[in-house]
Amino acid sequence: MRFIRIAFAVAGFAVLMLEPLTAQNRTTPLRIIYPFAGGGSGDVLTRLVADRLGVVLERPVIVEPRAGAAGRLGVQAVKTSEPDGNTLLATPIAPMAVYQSVYPALDYDPVKDFAPVSQIATFDFGICVDPKIPASNISELVTWLKANPDKANFGTPGAGTLPHFFGLMFAKAAGVPLQHIAYKGGTVALTDLMGGQIPIVFLSTNELAELHKVGRIRVLATSGVQRSTFLPDVPTFREIGYDIEGGGWWGFFAPAGTPAATVSKLSGAIARIVQEDDVKARIAQIGLRPTGTSPEEFARIQREDIERWAVPIKASGFRPEQ
């Protein structure tokens, strides 16, 4: 009897301890660190998911922009956070699948220091030309470039970006020695393209679709496995015989060591949110394709992209300034 009384006492104490913990989980904010300045499409996407996540989890969810070092400062902040399910990283592909091939030394390991939670959206790249260029398809563009090697330049939103490396992949596949011109953002590159200052620009399709539709630029090919839903009239590189493919994504990560059950709960909630009709529609409005994956599938995607982008990055010989 004495043992039974002790057992009941311990059980009662455990229940009393669980109640405040549950209350704490519902009142402790979930921080989502966004490793760039606010205001871009990634910030809009993150806040869209965060708002719904707070409702689903019945707890406060706060988005914290943490800009600096091309996103590395924010990533580092998540790495050093407690793995208790109270901190997530919302990030594009580059810091988690590209930077280890770009920077000689990172303060984090994108695989070992993080637990993939869910990929939430994807995007493709496109090659576009000034409509005044006599090229309505890639074959005609390659012919024009070979006939005008002094004009064989392509612009991107910056050195070390994925459009930069995809442009180099195209140059190699086409056998054209394209010269890269780095701009400070996609808008500036497109302005020069439409002004006749540069013949070719590589950018994400969400930055190209509307200008293509109204005829101010001409998109000749996109980088996905399938045609872009935003540019259905434009073929993929693979369709026209170039064995090159690659895209980008946005996703959520937790610090390594976060309990698997917690990661699974967060992943399930996020994946369901991005497939809700109104959320899908709003994601499409910013030119992205909603996905929503399991942690295991996202981990596979991350590993594959690390391998995919390492090859052209190494071949480019690119070295960042910092």
Protein backbone atom coordinates (compact mmCIF):
# COMPACT_ATOMS: atom_id res chain seq x y z
CA MET A 1 0.00 0.00 0.00
CA ARG A 2 2.83 2.35 0.81
CA PHE A 3 4.31 1.73 -2.66
CA ILE A 4 0.93 2.45 -4.28
CA ARG A 5 0.60 5.73 -2.35
CA ILE A 6 4.08 6.78 -3.46
CA ALA A 7 3.28 5.89 -7.08
CA PHE A 8 0.10 7.97 -7.03
CA ALA A 9 1.99 10.85 -5.44
CA VAL A 10 4.65 10.74 -8.18
CA ALA A 11 1.98 10.55 -10.89
CA GLY A 12 0.15 13.51 -9.40
CA PHE A 13 3.36 15.53 -9.26
CA ALA A 14 4.05 14.70 -12.93
CA VAL A 15 0.62 15.96 -13.95
CA LEU A 16 1.17 19.19 -12.04
CA MET A 17 4.52 19.61 -13.80
CA LEU A 18 3.03 18.97 -17.26
CA GLU A 19 0.34 21.63 -16.98
CA PRO A 20 2.66 24.64 -16.77
CA LEU A 21 4.88 23.16 -19.49
CA THR A 22 1.90 22.92 -21.82
CA ALA A 23 0.90 26.47 -20.99
CA GLN A 24 4.46 27.63 -21.57
CA ASN A 25 4.55 25.98 -25.00
CA ARG A 26 1.43 27.91 -25.97
CA THR A 27 2.68 31.25 -24.72
CA THR A 28 6.37 31.02 -25.66
CA PRO A 29 6.76 32.61 -29.11
CA LEU A 30 8.00 30.49 -31.99
CA ARG A 31 10.74 32.58 -33.62
CA ILE A 32 11.20 32.28 -37.36
CA ILE A 33 14.49 33.87 -38.35
CA TYR A 34 14.54 35.20 -41.90
CA PRO A 35 18.22 35.80 -42.76
CA PHE A 36 17.73 38.79 -45.05
CA ALA A 37 16.21 42.25 -44.94
CA GLY A 38 12.44 42.40 -44.98
CA GLY A 39 10.32 43.42 -47.93
CA GLY A 40 11.14 40.87 -50.65
CA SER A 41 9.12 37.94 -51.90
CA GLY A 42 10.84 35.63 -49.42
CA ASP A 43 9.78 37.86 -46.54
CA VAL A 44 6.20 37.91 -47.84
CA LEU A 45 6.22 34.11 -48.15
CA THR A 46 7.64 33.63 -44.65
CA ARG A 47 5.09 35.91 -43.03
CA LEU A 48 2.25 34.29 -44.93
CA VAL A 49 3.14 30.88 -43.53
CA ALA A 50 3.96 32.30 -40.08
CA ASP A 51 0.55 33.92 -39.72
CA ARG A 52 -1.25 30.67 -40.43
CA LEU A 53 1.19 28.65 -38.31
CA GLY A 54 0.36 30.73 -35.26
CA VAL A 55 -3.32 29.88 -35.68
CA VAL A 56 -2.69 26.17 -36.23
CA LEU A 57 -0.28 25.81 -33.29
CA GLU A 58 -2.27 28.18 -31.05
CA ARG A 59 0.86 30.06 -30.04
CA PRO A 60 2.58 33.33 -31.00
CA VAL A 61 4.80 33.14 -34.09
CA ILE A 62 7.26 35.98 -34.69
CA VAL A 63 9.28 36.58 -37.87
CA GLU A 64 12.69 38.15 -37.20
CA PRO A 65 14.64 39.48 -40.20
CA ARG A 66 18.34 38.98 -39.39
CA ALA A 67 20.24 40.34 -42.40
CA GLY A 68 24.00 40.25 -42.90
CA ALA A 69 26.78 38.39 -44.71
CA ALA A 70 24.48 37.24 -47.53
CA GLY A 71 22.24 35.45 -45.05
CA ARG A 72 24.96 33.73 -43.08
CA LEU A 73 24.42 35.73 -39.88
CA GLY A 74 20.81 34.65 -39.61
CA VAL A 75 21.67 31.04 -40.32
CA GLN A 76 24.35 31.12 -37.65
CA ALA A 77 21.84 32.53 -35.16
CA VAL A 78 19.56 29.54 -35.70
CA LYS A 79 22.45 27.09 -35.44
CA THR A 80 23.29 28.36 -31.94
CA SER A 81 19.67 28.46 -30.74
CA GLU A 82 18.31 25.91 -28.31
CA PRO A 83 16.94 22.85 -30.16
CA ASP A 84 13.64 23.06 -28.32
CA GLY A 85 11.22 23.71 -31.16
CA ASN A 86 11.03 27.44 -30.44
CA THR A 87 13.28 28.60 -33.29
CA LEU A 88 13.10 27.97 -37.04
CA LEU A 89 15.04 29.23 -40.04
CA ALA A 90 13.14 30.34 -43.16
CA THR A 91 15.63 30.38 -46.00
CA PRO A 92 16.13 30.08 -49.75
CA ILE A 93 18.32 27.37 -51.22
CA ALA A 94 21.62 29.26 -51.30
CA PRO A 95 22.67 29.31 -47.62
CA MET A 96 21.77 25.62 -47.20
CA ALA A 97 22.87 24.00 -50.47
CA VAL A 98 25.20 26.40 -52.28
CA TYR A 99 27.36 28.38 -49.88
CA GLN A 100 29.53 25.45 -48.81
CA SER A 101 30.75 25.30 -52.43
CA VAL A 102 31.20 29.08 -52.64
CA TYR A 103 32.80 30.12 -49.36
CA PRO A 104 36.08 28.47 -48.33
CA ALA A 105 34.97 28.40 -44.68
CA LEU A 106 31.49 28.64 -43.20
CA ASP A 107 30.60 29.04 -39.54
CA TYR A 108 28.02 26.30 -39.94
CA ASP A 109 27.49 22.96 -41.64
CA PRO A 110 24.21 23.10 -43.61
CA VAL A 111 23.63 19.37 -43.09
CA LYS A 112 25.05 18.54 -39.67
CA ASP A 113 23.92 21.68 -37.86
CA PHE A 114 20.28 21.68 -38.99
CA ALA A 115 17.21 19.49 -39.19
CA PRO A 116 15.17 19.95 -42.39
CA VAL A 117 11.51 20.63 -41.56
CA SER A 118 9.69 21.30 -44.84
CA GLN A 119 10.27 22.77 -48.26
CA ILE A 120 7.47 25.26 -48.89
CA ALA A 121 7.93 26.63 -52.42
CA THR A 122 10.08 26.31 -55.53
CA PHE A 123 11.05 28.49 -58.47
CA ASP A 124 12.86 28.15 -61.80
CA PHE A 125 15.30 30.31 -63.71
CA GLY A 126 14.85 31.68 -67.18
CA ILE A 127 17.04 33.04 -69.95
CA CYS A 128 15.65 36.17 -71.55
CA VAL A 129 16.74 38.46 -74.36
CA ASP A 130 15.91 41.91 -75.64
CA PRO A 131 13.18 41.41 -78.31
CA LYS A 132 15.33 43.42 -80.72
CA ILE A 133 17.86 40.57 -80.71
CA PRO A 134 17.17 38.38 -83.79
CA ALA A 135 16.55 35.24 -81.76
CA SER A 136 13.13 33.73 -81.14
CA ASN A 137 14.56 30.48 -79.74
CA ILE A 138 17.75 29.14 -78.18
CA SER A 139 19.12 27.78 -81.45
CA GLU A 140 18.88 31.20 -83.08
CA LEU A 141 20.41 32.81 -79.99
CA VAL A 142 23.42 30.50 -80.08
CA THR A 143 23.89 31.23 -83.78
CA TRP A 144 23.74 34.98 -83.10
CA LEU A 145 26.20 34.74 -80.20
CA LYS A 146 28.72 32.81 -82.29
CA ALA A 147 28.42 35.41 -85.02
CA ASN A 148 28.79 38.25 -82.49
CA PRO A 149 31.34 37.05 -79.90
CA ASP A 150 32.04 40.63 -78.81
CA LYS A 151 28.41 40.85 -77.59
CA ALA A 152 28.34 37.48 -75.83
CA ASN A 153 27.56 38.82 -72.37
CA PHE A 154 24.91 37.82 -69.86
CA GLY A 155 23.66 39.65 -66.80
CA THR A 156 22.48 38.31 -63.44
CA PRO A 157 21.43 39.85 -60.12
CA GLY A 158 24.92 39.31 -58.74
CA ALA A 159 28.12 37.32 -58.71
CA GLY A 160 27.79 34.02 -56.88
CA THR A 161 24.03 33.80 -57.36
CA LEU A 162 22.36 30.73 -58.85
CA PRO A 163 21.44 32.58 -62.08
CA HIS A 164 25.19 33.28 -62.43
CA PHE A 165 26.07 29.61 -62.15
CA PHE A 166 23.17 28.45 -64.30
CA GLY A 167 24.27 30.90 -67.00
CA LEU A 168 27.70 29.26 -66.94
CA MET A 169 26.05 25.84 -67.24
CA PHE A 170 24.23 27.05 -70.35
CA ALA A 171 27.39 28.58 -71.82
CA LYS A 172 29.23 25.27 -71.46
CA ALA A 173 26.35 23.24 -72.88
CA ALA A 174 25.94 25.60 -75.85
CA GLY A 175 29.65 25.92 -76.53
CA VAL A 176 29.53 29.71 -76.28
CA PRO A 177 32.11 31.60 -74.14
CA LEU A 178 29.64 33.92 -72.41
CA GLN A 179 31.02 36.72 -70.26
CA HIS A 180 29.25 37.27 -66.95
CA ILE A 181 28.14 40.77 -65.95
CA ALA A 182 27.13 41.07 -62.29
CA TYR A 183 24.43 43.58 -61.42
CA LYS A 184 23.18 44.76 -58.05
CA GLY A 185 19.79 43.12 -58.32
CA GLY A 186 17.54 41.73 -61.03
CA THR A 187 15.68 44.99 -61.68
CA VAL A 188 18.86 46.78 -62.73
CA ALA A 189 19.83 43.90 -65.04
CA LEU A 190 16.41 43.93 -66.71
CA THR A 191 16.56 47.69 -67.16
CA ASP A 192 19.84 47.36 -69.05
CA LEU A 193 18.43 44.46 -71.08
CA MET A 194 15.40 46.48 -72.19
CA GLY A 195 17.67 49.45 -72.86
CA GLY A 196 19.87 47.45 -75.21
CA GLN A 197 22.93 47.55 -72.92
CA ILE A 198 23.18 43.77 -72.58
CA PRO A 199 21.69 41.00 -74.78
CA ILE A 200 20.94 38.27 -72.23
CA VAL A 201 19.81 38.07 -68.62
CA PHE A 202 19.30 35.05 -66.36
CA LEU A 203 16.81 35.52 -63.51
CA SER A 204 14.20 33.62 -61.56
CA THR A 205 11.00 33.22 -63.54
CA ASN A 206 8.90 35.22 -61.07
CA GLU A 207 10.89 38.30 -62.14
CA LEU A 208 10.43 37.60 -65.86
CA ALA A 209 6.88 36.36 -66.42
CA GLU A 210 4.95 39.64 -66.58
CA LEU A 211 7.51 41.43 -68.77
CA HIS A 212 7.51 38.44 -71.14
CA LYS A 213 3.71 38.44 -71.38
CA VAL A 214 3.60 42.09 -72.44
CA GLY A 215 6.46 41.67 -74.91
CA ARG A 216 9.07 43.85 -73.24
CA ILE A 217 11.45 40.89 -72.96
CA ARG A 218 11.54 37.46 -74.61
CA VAL A 219 12.08 34.40 -72.40
CA LEU A 220 13.56 31.59 -74.50
CA ALA A 221 13.86 28.72 -72.02
CA THR A 222 13.36 27.84 -68.37
CA SER A 223 15.42 25.65 -66.07
CA GLY A 224 12.89 23.26 -64.53
CA VAL A 225 12.14 19.61 -65.15
CA GLN A 226 8.73 20.71 -66.41
CA ARG A 227 7.54 23.93 -68.01
CA SER A 228 6.95 26.81 -65.64
CA THR A 229 3.29 27.28 -64.77
CA PHE A 230 3.94 31.01 -65.07
CA LEU A 231 5.47 30.70 -68.56
CA PRO A 232 3.63 27.74 -70.15
CA ASP A 233 4.53 28.86 -73.68
CA VAL A 234 8.27 28.65 -72.97
CA PRO A 235 10.12 25.31 -73.31
CA THR A 236 12.59 23.94 -70.79
CA PHE A 237 16.26 23.60 -71.67
CA ARG A 238 15.85 19.83 -71.65
CA GLU A 239 12.97 20.03 -74.13
CA ILE A 240 15.24 21.70 -76.65
CA GLY A 241 18.14 19.31 -76.20
CA TYR A 242 20.27 20.85 -73.43
CA ASP A 243 20.91 18.48 -70.55
CA ILE A 244 20.87 21.17 -67.89
CA GLU A 245 18.33 21.63 -65.13
CA GLY A 246 18.14 23.33 -61.77
CA GLY A 247 15.95 25.51 -59.65
CA GLY A 248 15.61 27.09 -56.27
CA TRP A 249 13.42 26.69 -53.22
CA TRP A 250 12.35 28.14 -49.91
CA GLY A 251 12.09 26.03 -46.80
CA PHE A 252 12.18 25.75 -43.03
CA PHE A 253 14.96 24.28 -40.90
CA ALA A 254 15.34 23.71 -37.15
CA PRO A 255 18.58 23.54 -35.15
CA ALA A 256 20.16 20.08 -35.10
CA GLY A 257 19.06 18.13 -32.05
CA THR A 258 15.47 19.32 -32.15
CA PRO A 259 13.36 16.29 -31.13
CA ALA A 260 12.11 14.31 -34.11
CA ALA A 261 8.53 14.44 -32.83
CA THR A 262 8.70 18.24 -32.69
CA VAL A 263 10.14 18.45 -36.21
CA SER A 264 7.44 16.10 -37.47
CA LYS A 265 4.66 18.18 -35.87
CA LEU A 266 5.99 21.43 -37.32
CA SER A 267 6.53 19.84 -40.73
CA GLY A 268 3.01 18.46 -40.88
CA ALA A 269 1.50 21.80 -39.94
CA ILE A 270 3.58 23.75 -42.46
CA ALA A 271 2.96 21.27 -45.29
CA ARG A 272 -0.79 21.48 -44.74
CA ILE A 273 -0.74 25.27 -44.60
CA VAL A 274 1.01 25.75 -47.95
CA GLN A 275 -1.54 23.46 -49.60
CA GLU A 276 -4.55 25.43 -48.38
CA ASP A 277 -6.33 26.97 -51.35
CA ASP A 278 -6.03 30.59 -50.24
CA VAL A 279 -2.37 30.19 -49.26
CA LYS A 280 -1.54 28.45 -52.55
CA ALA A 281 -3.17 31.30 -54.44
CA ARG A 282 -1.18 33.93 -52.56
CA ILE A 283 2.09 32.03 -53.07
CA ALA A 284 1.36 31.86 -56.80
CA GLN A 285 0.79 35.63 -56.81
CA ILE A 286 4.46 36.14 -55.92
CA GLY A 287 5.57 33.77 -58.68
CA LEU A 288 6.37 30.68 -56.59
CA ARG A 289 5.07 27.10 -56.67
CA PRO A 290 3.82 25.85 -53.29
CA THR A 291 5.07 22.42 -52.25
CA GLY A 292 5.09 21.25 -48.61
CA THR A 293 7.30 18.23 -47.96
CA SER A 294 8.16 15.84 -45.17
CA PRO A 295 11.48 16.29 -43.33
CA GLU A 296 12.86 13.20 -45.07
CA GLU A 297 11.95 14.41 -48.55
CA PHE A 298 13.37 17.86 -47.86
CA ALA A 299 16.62 16.32 -46.61
CA ARG A 300 16.88 14.37 -49.88
CA ILE A 301 16.25 17.52 -51.95
CA GLN A 302 18.91 19.41 -49.98
CA ARG A 303 21.51 16.65 -50.51
CA GLU A 304 20.78 16.45 -54.24
CA ASP A 305 21.07 20.21 -54.68
CA ILE A 306 24.35 20.32 -52.78
CA GLU A 307 25.76 17.84 -55.28
CA ARG A 308 24.07 19.48 -58.29
CA TRP A 309 25.42 22.99 -57.71
CA ALA A 310 28.90 21.98 -56.52
CA VAL A 311 29.92 21.04 -60.08
CA PRO A 312 29.25 24.34 -61.91
CA ILE A 313 30.44 26.39 -58.93
CA LYS A 314 33.77 24.57 -58.84
CA ALA A 315 34.11 24.79 -62.62
CA SER A 316 33.48 28.55 -62.55
CA GLY A 317 36.47 29.25 -60.32
CA PHE A 318 34.35 31.88 -58.57
CA ARG A 319 35.70 33.29 -55.30
CA PRO A 320 33.57 35.62 -53.16
CA GLU A 321 34.90 38.89 -51.83
CA GLN A 322 33.81 37.97 -48.28
